[in-house]
Amino acid sequence: MAESKQNNMGLFAALKGDILHFNKNAVPVLNDIFAKLNSLDESEEKEYLLKMLVISNTGIDMLFHPDTGIIKGEVKKFDKDAFYVLYEMITLFLISHFKNVSLERAEKLKELFINAVNRVEECNALWNEVDEFTKSSNKMIDRVVQKVSSYTGELGEDKKSALISAFRGLVVTFIESI
């Protein structure tokens, strides 16, 4: 019964055009960022950035998956630029947490990522936001919720809690992967 309900939810998302919208906007952004990172010279930093992108994509799935996404019904409020912002913000969020391992390497990863995606102004602005709020992880997570809410409108407490939990899980996943 639960499986049937999930299949119906995915079907409903398809009929509403949510899946098509996601595939037309988010997927090309992911592919573009992946291609740019993949074209970097082989290095440990490249491997870290690709891992971070995979984790960022997991975060995007947590938000928009047609069956289980925290804000799956809000996907049409996000255009390609908004998906760039989300992927970049999550990746920069992960890089900022790398400062706890190596400040020098975090700076190198940040510069490499920003130059690779070729959205220097946008990423530097996001980095400044992330850097400011990384000093307190709760403030940073609040900033992520605020950024998502700027597209969706005010999130209910249940969605905020799920989003906060998801992002804390992403940090744990990232730290375990290095």
C-alpha atoms as a PDB file:
ATOM      1  CA  MET A   1       0.000   0.000   0.000  1.00  0.00           C
ATOM      2  CA  ALA A   2       2.759   2.480   0.922  1.00  0.00           C
ATOM      3  CA  GLU A   3       4.621   1.697  -2.317  1.00  0.00           C
ATOM      4  CA  SER A   4       1.455   2.305  -4.321  1.00  0.00           C
ATOM      5  CA  LYS A   5       0.973   5.657  -2.581  1.00  0.00           C
ATOM      6  CA  GLN A   6       4.571   6.653  -3.399  1.00  0.00           C
ATOM      7  CA  ASN A   7       4.138   5.648  -7.040  1.00  0.00           C
ATOM      8  CA  ASN A   8       0.974   7.756  -7.193  1.00  0.00           C
ATOM      9  CA  MET A   9       2.849  10.730  -5.723  1.00  0.00           C
ATOM     10  CA  GLY A  10       5.534  10.414  -8.408  1.00  0.00           C
ATOM     11  CA  LEU A  11       2.825  10.092 -11.047  1.00  0.00           C
ATOM     12  CA  PHE A  12       1.079  13.167  -9.664  1.00  0.00           C
ATOM     13  CA  ALA A  13       4.375  15.113  -9.813  1.00  0.00           C
ATOM     14  CA  ALA A  14       4.821  13.984 -13.419  1.00  0.00           C
ATOM     15  CA  LEU A  15       1.296  15.013 -14.361  1.00  0.00           C
ATOM     16  CA  LYS A  16       1.748  18.446 -12.747  1.00  0.00           C
ATOM     17  CA  GLY A  17       4.935  18.933 -14.761  1.00  0.00           C
ATOM     18  CA  ASP A  18       7.199  19.066 -11.700  1.00  0.00           C
ATOM     19  CA  ILE A  19       9.484  16.311 -12.966  1.00  0.00           C
ATOM     20  CA  LEU A  20       9.735  17.892 -16.419  1.00  0.00           C
ATOM     21  CA  HIS A  21      10.519  21.261 -14.829  1.00  0.00           C
ATOM     22  CA  PHE A  22      13.204  19.676 -12.635  1.00  0.00           C
ATOM     23  CA  ASN A  23      14.723  17.840 -15.598  1.00  0.00           C
ATOM     24  CA  LYS A  24      14.744  21.005 -17.740  1.00  0.00           C
ATOM     25  CA  ASN A  25      16.307  23.182 -15.039  1.00  0.00           C
ATOM     26  CA  ALA A  26      18.203  21.256 -12.367  1.00  0.00           C
ATOM     27  CA  VAL A  27      19.661  18.443 -14.469  1.00  0.00           C
ATOM     28  CA  PRO A  28      21.422  20.727 -17.001  1.00  0.00           C
ATOM     29  CA  VAL A  29      22.895  22.727 -14.106  1.00  0.00           C
ATOM     30  CA  LEU A  30      24.243  19.575 -12.459  1.00  0.00           C
ATOM     31  CA  ASN A  31      25.627  18.354 -15.792  1.00  0.00           C
ATOM     32  CA  ASP A  32      27.256  21.735 -16.478  1.00  0.00           C
ATOM     33  CA  ILE A  33      28.943  21.940 -13.084  1.00  0.00           C
ATOM     34  CA  PHE A  34      30.014  18.292 -13.299  1.00  0.00           C
ATOM     35  CA  ALA A  35      31.546  18.805 -16.764  1.00  0.00           C
ATOM     36  CA  LYS A  36      33.442  21.873 -15.575  1.00  0.00           C
ATOM     37  CA  LEU A  37      34.779  20.116 -12.483  1.00  0.00           C
ATOM     38  CA  ASN A  38      35.551  16.968 -14.431  1.00  0.00           C
ATOM     39  CA  SER A  39      37.651  18.979 -16.912  1.00  0.00           C
ATOM     40  CA  LEU A  40      40.033  20.082 -14.142  1.00  0.00           C
ATOM     41  CA  ASP A  41      43.491  18.550 -14.053  1.00  0.00           C
ATOM     42  CA  GLU A  42      43.653  15.355 -12.039  1.00  0.00           C
ATOM     43  CA  SER A  43      44.274  16.184  -8.394  1.00  0.00           C
ATOM     44  CA  GLU A  44      43.091  15.380  -4.927  1.00  0.00           C
ATOM     45  CA  GLU A  45      41.193  18.686  -4.928  1.00  0.00           C
ATOM     46  CA  LYS A  46      39.323  17.675  -8.096  1.00  0.00           C
ATOM     47  CA  GLU A  47      38.284  14.433  -6.386  1.00  0.00           C
ATOM     48  CA  TYR A  48      37.084  16.357  -3.322  1.00  0.00           C
ATOM     49  CA  LEU A  49      35.088  18.785  -5.459  1.00  0.00           C
ATOM     50  CA  LEU A  50      33.448  15.951  -7.397  1.00  0.00           C
ATOM     51  CA  LYS A  51      32.543  14.236  -4.108  1.00  0.00           C
ATOM     52  CA  MET A  52      31.112  17.501  -2.830  1.00  0.00           C
ATOM     53  CA  LEU A  53      29.042  17.849  -5.995  1.00  0.00           C
ATOM     54  CA  VAL A  54      27.662  14.334  -5.495  1.00  0.00           C
ATOM     55  CA  ILE A  55      26.755  15.251  -1.914  1.00  0.00           C
ATOM     56  CA  SER A  56      25.233  18.532  -3.161  1.00  0.00           C
ATOM     57  CA  ASN A  57      23.120  16.537  -5.599  1.00  0.00           C
ATOM     58  CA  THR A  58      21.984  14.358  -2.707  1.00  0.00           C
ATOM     59  CA  GLY A  59      20.910  17.570  -0.981  1.00  0.00           C
ATOM     60  CA  ILE A  60      18.966  18.663  -4.067  1.00  0.00           C
ATOM     61  CA  ASP A  61      17.270  15.234  -4.135  1.00  0.00           C
ATOM     62  CA  MET A  62      16.361  15.666  -0.466  1.00  0.00           C
ATOM     63  CA  LEU A  63      14.607  18.883  -1.424  1.00  0.00           C
ATOM     64  CA  PHE A  64      12.896  17.970  -4.688  1.00  0.00           C
ATOM     65  CA  HIS A  65      12.591  14.183  -5.112  1.00  0.00           C
ATOM     66  CA  PRO A  66       9.021  13.639  -6.400  1.00  0.00           C
ATOM     67  CA  ASP A  67       8.246  11.034  -3.732  1.00  0.00           C
ATOM     68  CA  THR A  68      10.242  12.115  -0.695  1.00  0.00           C
ATOM     69  CA  GLY A  69      11.454  15.693  -1.275  1.00  0.00           C
ATOM     70  CA  ILE A  70      11.066  18.137   1.581  1.00  0.00           C
ATOM     71  CA  ILE A  71       9.800  20.867  -0.772  1.00  0.00           C
ATOM     72  CA  LYS A  72       8.917  18.733  -3.790  1.00  0.00           C
ATOM     73  CA  GLY A  73       5.808  20.780  -4.569  1.00  0.00           C
ATOM     74  CA  GLU A  74       7.832  23.984  -4.844  1.00  0.00           C
ATOM     75  CA  VAL A  75      10.161  22.925  -7.677  1.00  0.00           C
ATOM     76  CA  LYS A  76       8.561  25.216 -10.263  1.00  0.00           C
ATOM     77  CA  LYS A  77       9.637  28.239  -8.227  1.00  0.00           C
ATOM     78  CA  PHE A  78      13.265  27.407  -9.082  1.00  0.00           C
ATOM     79  CA  ASP A  79      14.694  28.292 -12.493  1.00  0.00           C
ATOM     80  CA  LYS A  80      18.156  27.362 -13.790  1.00  0.00           C
ATOM     81  CA  ASP A  81      19.817  30.282 -12.030  1.00  0.00           C
ATOM     82  CA  ALA A  82      18.183  29.281  -8.747  1.00  0.00           C
ATOM     83  CA  PHE A  83      19.508  25.735  -9.180  1.00  0.00           C
ATOM     84  CA  TYR A  84      23.003  27.125  -9.817  1.00  0.00           C
ATOM     85  CA  VAL A  85      22.669  29.057  -6.565  1.00  0.00           C
ATOM     86  CA  LEU A  86      21.541  25.936  -4.684  1.00  0.00           C
ATOM     87  CA  TYR A  87      24.301  23.690  -6.062  1.00  0.00           C
ATOM     88  CA  GLU A  88      26.931  26.377  -5.498  1.00  0.00           C
ATOM     89  CA  MET A  89      25.694  27.220  -2.023  1.00  0.00           C
ATOM     90  CA  ILE A  90      25.647  23.595  -0.886  1.00  0.00           C
ATOM     91  CA  THR A  91      29.106  22.967  -2.360  1.00  0.00           C
ATOM     92  CA  LEU A  92      30.524  26.141  -0.805  1.00  0.00           C
ATOM     93  CA  PHE A  93      28.842  25.159   2.464  1.00  0.00           C
ATOM     94  CA  LEU A  94      30.731  21.845   2.345  1.00  0.00           C
ATOM     95  CA  ILE A  95      33.989  23.594   1.416  1.00  0.00           C
ATOM     96  CA  SER A  96      33.546  25.961   4.364  1.00  0.00           C
ATOM     97  CA  HIS A  97      33.352  22.969   6.679  1.00  0.00           C
ATOM     98  CA  PHE A  98      36.634  21.760   5.209  1.00  0.00           C
ATOM     99  CA  LYS A  99      38.246  24.670   7.078  1.00  0.00           C
ATOM    100  CA  ASN A 100      38.023  22.488  10.177  1.00  0.00           C
ATOM    101  CA  VAL A 101      40.360  20.011   8.470  1.00  0.00           C
ATOM    102  CA  SER A 102      42.681  22.390   6.602  1.00  0.00           C
ATOM    103  CA  LEU A 103      42.185  26.126   6.177  1.00  0.00           C
ATOM    104  CA  GLU A 104      44.708  26.262   3.326  1.00  0.00           C
ATOM    105  CA  ARG A 105      43.062  23.423   1.443  1.00  0.00           C
ATOM    106  CA  ALA A 106      39.604  24.931   1.962  1.00  0.00           C
ATOM    107  CA  GLU A 107      40.801  28.174   0.360  1.00  0.00           C
ATOM    108  CA  LYS A 108      42.314  26.238  -2.545  1.00  0.00           C
ATOM    109  CA  LEU A 109      39.103  24.238  -3.025  1.00  0.00           C
ATOM    110  CA  LYS A 110      37.026  27.413  -2.910  1.00  0.00           C
ATOM    111  CA  GLU A 111      39.162  29.149  -5.558  1.00  0.00           C
ATOM    112  CA  LEU A 112      39.275  26.056  -7.760  1.00  0.00           C
ATOM    113  CA  PHE A 113      35.503  25.577  -7.550  1.00  0.00           C
ATOM    114  CA  ILE A 114      34.645  29.225  -8.157  1.00  0.00           C
ATOM    115  CA  ASN A 115      36.953  29.459 -11.162  1.00  0.00           C
ATOM    116  CA  ALA A 116      35.820  26.109 -12.574  1.00  0.00           C
ATOM    117  CA  VAL A 117      32.115  26.955 -12.552  1.00  0.00           C
ATOM    118  CA  ASN A 118      32.954  30.357 -14.039  1.00  0.00           C
ATOM    119  CA  ARG A 119      30.411  32.219 -11.922  1.00  0.00           C
ATOM    120  CA  VAL A 120      32.979  34.171  -9.958  1.00  0.00           C
ATOM    121  CA  GLU A 121      30.842  37.100  -8.841  1.00  0.00           C
ATOM    122  CA  GLU A 122      27.890  34.933  -7.818  1.00  0.00           C
ATOM    123  CA  CYS A 123      30.036  32.368  -6.018  1.00  0.00           C
ATOM    124  CA  ASN A 124      32.125  34.986  -4.217  1.00  0.00           C
ATOM    125  CA  ALA A 125      28.915  36.599  -2.953  1.00  0.00           C
ATOM    126  CA  LEU A 126      27.643  33.194  -1.792  1.00  0.00           C
ATOM    127  CA  TRP A 127      31.031  32.410  -0.230  1.00  0.00           C
ATOM    128  CA  ASN A 128      30.906  35.640   1.760  1.00  0.00           C
ATOM    129  CA  GLU A 129      27.439  34.704   3.033  1.00  0.00           C
ATOM    130  CA  VAL A 130      28.540  31.159   3.835  1.00  0.00           C
ATOM    131  CA  ASP A 131      31.788  32.324   5.438  1.00  0.00           C
ATOM    132  CA  GLU A 132      29.994  34.868   7.608  1.00  0.00           C
ATOM    133  CA  PHE A 133      27.538  32.328   8.913  1.00  0.00           C
ATOM    134  CA  THR A 134      29.881  29.342   9.128  1.00  0.00           C
ATOM    135  CA  LYS A 135      31.237  30.781  12.339  1.00  0.00           C
ATOM    136  CA  SER A 136      28.114  29.330  13.895  1.00  0.00           C
ATOM    137  CA  SER A 137      26.775  26.253  12.136  1.00  0.00           C
ATOM    138  CA  ASN A 138      23.239  26.979  13.343  1.00  0.00           C
ATOM    139  CA  LYS A 139      23.408  30.410  11.742  1.00  0.00           C
ATOM    140  CA  MET A 140      24.671  28.819   8.518  1.00  0.00           C
ATOM    141  CA  ILE A 141      21.872  26.304   8.444  1.00  0.00           C
ATOM    142  CA  ASP A 142      19.432  29.126   9.166  1.00  0.00           C
ATOM    143  CA  ARG A 143      20.930  30.938   6.150  1.00  0.00           C
ATOM    144  CA  VAL A 144      20.372  27.871   3.964  1.00  0.00           C
ATOM    145  CA  VAL A 145      16.737  27.719   5.127  1.00  0.00           C
ATOM    146  CA  GLN A 146      16.401  31.454   4.467  1.00  0.00           C
ATOM    147  CA  LYS A 147      17.862  31.093   0.950  1.00  0.00           C
ATOM    148  CA  VAL A 148      15.501  28.219   0.103  1.00  0.00           C
ATOM    149  CA  SER A 149      12.592  30.202   1.587  1.00  0.00           C
ATOM    150  CA  SER A 150      13.443  33.128  -0.684  1.00  0.00           C
ATOM    151  CA  TYR A 151      12.236  30.924  -3.543  1.00  0.00           C
ATOM    152  CA  THR A 152       9.454  28.975  -1.847  1.00  0.00           C
ATOM    153  CA  GLY A 153       7.984  31.492   0.533  1.00  0.00           C
ATOM    154  CA  GLU A 154       7.860  30.825   4.263  1.00  0.00           C
ATOM    155  CA  LEU A 155       8.432  27.157   5.100  1.00  0.00           C
ATOM    156  CA  GLY A 156       6.382  25.452   7.793  1.00  0.00           C
ATOM    157  CA  GLU A 157       8.152  24.247  10.938  1.00  0.00           C
ATOM    158  CA  ASP A 158       7.999  20.616   9.761  1.00  0.00           C
ATOM    159  CA  LYS A 159       9.747  21.479   6.488  1.00  0.00           C
ATOM    160  CA  LYS A 160      12.296  23.697   8.278  1.00  0.00           C
ATOM    161  CA  SER A 161      13.122  20.859  10.687  1.00  0.00           C
ATOM    162  CA  ALA A 162      13.473  18.377   7.837  1.00  0.00           C
ATOM    163  CA  LEU A 163      15.688  20.796   5.886  1.00  0.00           C
ATOM    164  CA  ILE A 164      17.935  21.448   8.906  1.00  0.00           C
ATOM    165  CA  SER A 165      18.238  17.723   9.546  1.00  0.00           C
ATOM    166  CA  ALA A 166      19.055  17.068   5.885  1.00  0.00           C
ATOM    167  CA  PHE A 167      21.843  19.646   5.788  1.00  0.00           C
ATOM    168  CA  ARG A 168      23.372  18.425   9.031  1.00  0.00           C
ATOM    169  CA  GLY A 169      23.316  14.962   7.473  1.00  0.00           C
ATOM    170  CA  LEU A 170      25.111  16.301   4.390  1.00  0.00           C
ATOM    171  CA  VAL A 171      27.910  17.686   6.554  1.00  0.00           C
ATOM    172  CA  VAL A 172      28.296  14.354   8.338  1.00  0.00           C
ATOM    173  CA  THR A 173      28.322  12.513   4.984  1.00  0.00           C
ATOM    174  CA  PHE A 174      30.967  14.884   3.642  1.00  0.00           C
ATOM    175  CA  ILE A 175      33.200  14.606   6.696  1.00  0.00           C
ATOM    176  CA  GLU A 176      32.944  10.813   6.607  1.00  0.00           C
ATOM    177  CA  SER A 177      33.909  10.814   2.912  1.00  0.00           C
ATOM    178  CA  ILE A 178      37.203  12.615   3.487  1.00  0.00           C
END
